[in-house]
Amino acid sequence: MSIKHWPEQERPREKLINNGAESLSDAELLAIFLRVGVKGVSAVELARRAIMHFGGLRALMSASKEEFCACIGFGEAKFVQLQAVQEMTKRHLNEQLVREDVFTSAELVKNYLKTHLQLSQREVFAVLFLDSQHRLIQYKELFYGTIDSAAVYPREIVKLALKVNAAACILAHNHPSGVAEPSQADILITSRIKKALDLVDVRLLDHFVVGDGSPVSLAERGQV
């Protein structure tokens, strides 16, 4: 049965309008993005099959063009649309951080970092450089691969902080496994970077670990 023949309260678009986007399942959200299904398969069922194929919405959204387009009902046009949506989200959050005091907007920072790092298939170490009002000057991805004392160089962070005249920094990296629990190596490198920044009078405000769900703040745990 076509979605247009479903009871109104069960149609994804109507549910979103009446109850908000958060009331929809992953498949229903994706179905709205797809707009239509294929012969004999509704958009919701097509979305459900795609999510099962990839193992989750996160994996689907981070899929390569080849992987994405290999799904029935998907194609290059949809892939391009999805990339555009993700980039618009990043730019929207970036504009907010440029205007607002990051230190008092923890949820905004977490959403920003999730948008940039959560879908990455490899480990990425990034730094938010902030001005004296704690507004974003620059977001910079600096190191890739396994994040440990051998891969992250505090002097590079200090060099960039001085170059952009930053007054404070926030560190962030992702765990591609989806488990955001900080490791002992995460805590140690945070301490090393803090000591290096202290020498040039730049404050280290926090270090976030990004996985599935809400990023974990080391500052909130008293580890910064």
Protein backbone atom coordinates (compact mmCIF):
# COMPACT_ATOMS: atom_id res chain seq x y z
CA MET A 1 0.00 0.00 0.00
CA SER A 2 1.31 3.45 -0.94
CA ILE A 3 2.16 5.78 1.98
CA LYS A 4 -0.48 8.26 0.78
CA HIS A 5 -3.12 5.61 1.59
CA TRP A 6 -1.82 5.08 5.14
CA PRO A 7 -3.75 6.58 8.08
CA GLU A 8 -2.68 10.22 8.43
CA GLN A 9 -1.19 9.73 11.90
CA GLU A 10 1.15 7.06 10.51
CA ARG A 11 2.50 9.04 7.53
CA PRO A 12 6.05 10.30 8.21
CA ARG A 13 5.50 13.84 6.90
CA GLU A 14 2.31 14.34 8.90
CA LYS A 15 3.94 12.86 12.01
CA LEU A 16 6.83 15.30 11.68
CA ILE A 17 4.52 18.29 11.24
CA ASN A 18 2.27 17.32 14.14
CA ASN A 19 4.79 15.85 16.60
CA GLY A 20 8.23 17.09 15.56
CA ALA A 21 11.14 15.36 13.84
CA GLU A 22 12.24 13.65 17.06
CA SER A 23 9.05 11.54 17.01
CA LEU A 24 10.10 9.74 13.83
CA SER A 25 12.13 6.56 13.56
CA ASP A 26 15.38 6.47 11.57
CA ALA A 27 13.54 4.78 8.69
CA GLU A 28 10.79 7.41 8.69
CA LEU A 29 13.31 10.27 8.63
CA LEU A 30 15.19 8.66 5.75
CA ALA A 31 11.91 8.01 3.93
CA ILE A 32 11.12 11.75 3.98
CA PHE A 33 14.56 12.39 2.51
CA LEU A 34 14.01 9.75 -0.21
CA ARG A 35 10.49 11.10 -0.94
CA VAL A 36 9.45 8.06 -3.01
CA GLY A 37 10.00 4.34 -2.99
CA VAL A 38 10.33 1.94 -5.91
CA LYS A 39 7.73 -0.24 -7.60
CA GLY A 40 6.05 -2.38 -4.96
CA VAL A 41 8.11 -0.92 -2.09
CA SER A 42 7.14 2.19 -0.09
CA ALA A 43 9.71 4.84 0.82
CA VAL A 44 9.57 3.75 4.47
CA GLU A 45 10.21 0.10 3.63
CA LEU A 46 12.99 1.09 1.22
CA ALA A 47 14.57 3.19 3.96
CA ARG A 48 14.21 0.36 6.47
CA ARG A 49 15.95 -2.07 4.13
CA ALA A 50 18.78 0.37 3.47
CA ILE A 51 19.38 0.95 7.20
CA MET A 52 19.44 -2.81 7.79
CA HIS A 53 21.84 -3.24 4.86
CA PHE A 54 24.32 -0.72 6.27
CA GLY A 55 23.77 -1.70 9.89
CA GLY A 56 22.49 1.69 11.01
CA LEU A 57 21.82 5.28 9.98
CA ARG A 58 25.31 6.37 10.96
CA ALA A 59 26.99 3.88 8.60
CA LEU A 60 24.59 4.80 5.80
CA MET A 61 25.33 8.51 6.12
CA SER A 62 29.09 7.93 6.10
CA ALA A 63 29.03 5.49 3.18
CA SER A 64 31.08 6.17 0.07
CA LYS A 65 29.31 7.15 -3.13
CA GLU A 66 29.83 3.66 -4.53
CA GLU A 67 28.40 1.97 -1.43
CA PHE A 68 25.48 4.39 -1.23
CA CYS A 69 24.53 4.14 -4.90
CA ALA A 70 24.66 0.34 -4.80
CA CYS A 71 21.43 0.30 -2.74
CA ILE A 72 18.18 -0.16 -4.68
CA GLY A 73 16.32 3.14 -4.95
CA PHE A 74 19.42 5.18 -4.17
CA GLY A 75 21.64 6.95 -6.66
CA GLU A 76 24.08 9.75 -7.31
CA ALA A 77 21.42 12.47 -7.00
CA LYS A 78 20.43 11.26 -3.52
CA PHE A 79 24.08 10.96 -2.52
CA VAL A 80 24.70 14.56 -3.58
CA GLN A 81 21.62 15.74 -1.67
CA LEU A 82 22.77 13.95 1.48
CA GLN A 83 26.24 15.51 1.29
CA ALA A 84 24.66 18.94 0.82
CA VAL A 85 22.40 18.46 3.86
CA GLN A 86 25.35 17.44 6.03
CA GLU A 87 27.45 20.40 4.86
CA MET A 88 24.59 22.87 5.51
CA THR A 89 24.27 21.51 9.04
CA LYS A 90 28.00 22.01 9.65
CA ARG A 91 27.90 25.58 8.36
CA HIS A 92 24.81 26.44 10.40
CA LEU A 93 26.44 25.24 13.63
CA ASN A 94 29.69 26.98 12.71
CA GLU A 95 27.88 30.32 12.36
CA GLN A 96 26.35 29.88 15.81
CA LEU A 97 29.73 29.14 17.44
CA VAL A 98 31.30 32.20 15.80
CA ARG A 99 28.63 34.38 17.42
CA GLU A 100 28.19 32.74 20.83
CA ASP A 101 30.24 32.08 23.95
CA VAL A 102 31.29 28.47 23.44
CA PHE A 103 32.11 27.99 27.12
CA THR A 104 28.45 28.53 28.09
CA SER A 105 27.04 26.55 25.14
CA ALA A 106 28.13 22.99 25.89
CA GLU A 107 25.26 21.38 23.98
CA LEU A 108 25.97 23.53 20.92
CA VAL A 109 29.63 22.45 21.02
CA LYS A 110 28.63 18.80 21.37
CA ASN A 111 26.26 19.01 18.40
CA TYR A 112 28.95 20.76 16.36
CA LEU A 113 31.52 18.07 17.14
CA LYS A 114 29.08 15.25 16.46
CA THR A 115 28.33 16.73 13.04
CA HIS A 116 32.03 16.96 12.18
CA LEU A 117 33.40 13.79 13.76
CA GLN A 118 30.72 11.21 14.47
CA LEU A 119 30.47 9.85 10.92
CA SER A 120 34.22 9.55 10.33
CA GLN A 121 35.42 6.01 9.71
CA ARG A 122 38.90 6.81 11.07
CA GLU A 123 40.06 8.47 14.26
CA VAL A 124 40.41 12.23 13.92
CA PHE A 125 41.91 14.66 16.43
CA ALA A 126 40.63 18.23 16.12
CA VAL A 127 40.97 21.55 17.95
CA LEU A 128 38.58 24.46 18.32
CA PHE A 129 40.58 27.68 18.67
CA LEU A 130 38.67 30.39 20.55
CA ASP A 131 39.05 34.12 21.14
CA SER A 132 39.00 35.86 24.52
CA GLN A 133 35.18 35.82 24.46
CA HIS A 134 35.26 32.07 23.83
CA ARG A 135 33.87 32.47 20.32
CA LEU A 136 35.12 30.20 17.56
CA ILE A 137 38.09 31.46 15.54
CA GLN A 138 38.83 28.23 13.73
CA TYR A 139 38.05 24.51 13.78
CA LYS A 140 41.03 22.48 12.63
CA GLU A 141 41.49 18.73 12.16
CA LEU A 142 45.16 18.09 12.91
CA PHE A 143 45.93 14.41 13.41
CA TYR A 144 44.57 11.16 12.00
CA GLY A 145 44.82 7.50 12.88
CA THR A 146 45.29 6.02 16.34
CA ILE A 147 45.34 8.88 18.81
CA ASP A 148 48.18 8.35 21.29
CA SER A 149 51.25 10.17 22.49
CA ALA A 150 53.11 9.24 19.31
CA ALA A 151 50.45 10.63 16.96
CA VAL A 152 49.50 13.94 18.60
CA TYR A 153 52.07 16.72 18.82
CA PRO A 154 51.33 19.43 21.42
CA ARG A 155 53.83 21.81 19.76
CA GLU A 156 51.71 21.84 16.58
CA ILE A 157 48.65 22.85 18.60
CA VAL A 158 50.62 25.57 20.38
CA LYS A 159 52.01 26.83 17.06
CA LEU A 160 48.52 27.16 15.56
CA ALA A 161 47.09 28.73 18.73
CA LEU A 162 49.71 31.47 18.52
CA LYS A 163 49.21 31.89 14.77
CA VAL A 164 45.47 32.57 15.10
CA ASN A 165 45.89 34.50 18.37
CA ALA A 166 43.70 32.10 20.32
CA ALA A 167 42.98 32.70 24.01
CA ALA A 168 41.57 29.23 24.63
CA CYS A 169 41.19 25.82 23.02
CA ILE A 170 38.88 22.84 23.09
CA LEU A 171 40.21 19.44 22.02
CA ALA A 172 38.09 16.75 20.42
CA HIS A 173 38.53 13.37 18.83
CA ASN A 174 36.26 10.53 17.80
CA HIS A 175 36.14 6.83 18.50
CA PRO A 176 34.95 5.14 15.25
CA SER A 177 33.81 2.16 17.33
CA GLY A 178 31.04 4.39 18.69
CA VAL A 179 32.16 3.94 22.30
CA ALA A 180 32.96 7.40 23.66
CA GLU A 181 34.60 6.30 26.91
CA PRO A 182 37.97 8.13 27.24
CA SER A 183 41.03 5.90 27.36
CA GLN A 184 44.04 6.39 29.61
CA ALA A 185 45.93 7.60 26.51
CA ASP A 186 43.24 10.27 25.98
CA ILE A 187 43.70 11.52 29.54
CA LEU A 188 47.50 11.55 29.26
CA ILE A 189 47.63 13.46 25.97
CA THR A 190 45.13 15.98 27.38
CA SER A 191 47.48 16.63 30.28
CA ARG A 192 50.48 17.05 27.95
CA ILE A 193 48.64 19.51 25.70
CA LYS A 194 47.35 21.50 28.69
CA LYS A 195 50.89 21.92 30.04
CA ALA A 196 52.14 23.04 26.63
CA LEU A 197 49.33 25.58 26.23
CA ASP A 198 49.84 26.90 29.76
CA LEU A 199 53.37 27.96 28.77
CA VAL A 200 51.94 30.40 26.19
CA ASP A 201 48.99 31.51 28.35
CA VAL A 202 46.30 29.72 26.32
CA ARG A 203 43.58 28.00 28.37
CA LEU A 204 42.50 24.44 27.65
CA LEU A 205 38.76 24.42 28.37
CA ASP A 206 37.82 20.83 27.57
CA HIS A 207 38.49 17.66 25.63
CA PHE A 208 35.49 15.88 24.09
CA VAL A 209 35.42 12.26 22.98
CA VAL A 210 32.87 11.67 20.22
CA GLY A 211 31.13 8.37 19.66
CA ASP A 212 27.52 7.30 19.39
CA GLY A 213 25.20 9.44 21.50
CA SER A 214 26.35 12.56 23.31
CA PRO A 215 30.12 13.35 23.34
CA VAL A 216 31.88 12.79 26.65
CA SER A 217 33.48 15.83 28.31
CA LEU A 218 36.72 15.26 30.22
CA ALA A 219 36.24 18.65 31.93
CA GLU A 220 32.92 17.49 33.37
CA ARG A 221 34.79 14.51 34.85
CA GLY A 222 37.50 16.72 36.31
CA GLN A 223 40.14 15.34 33.96
CA VAL A 224 41.18 18.64 32.34
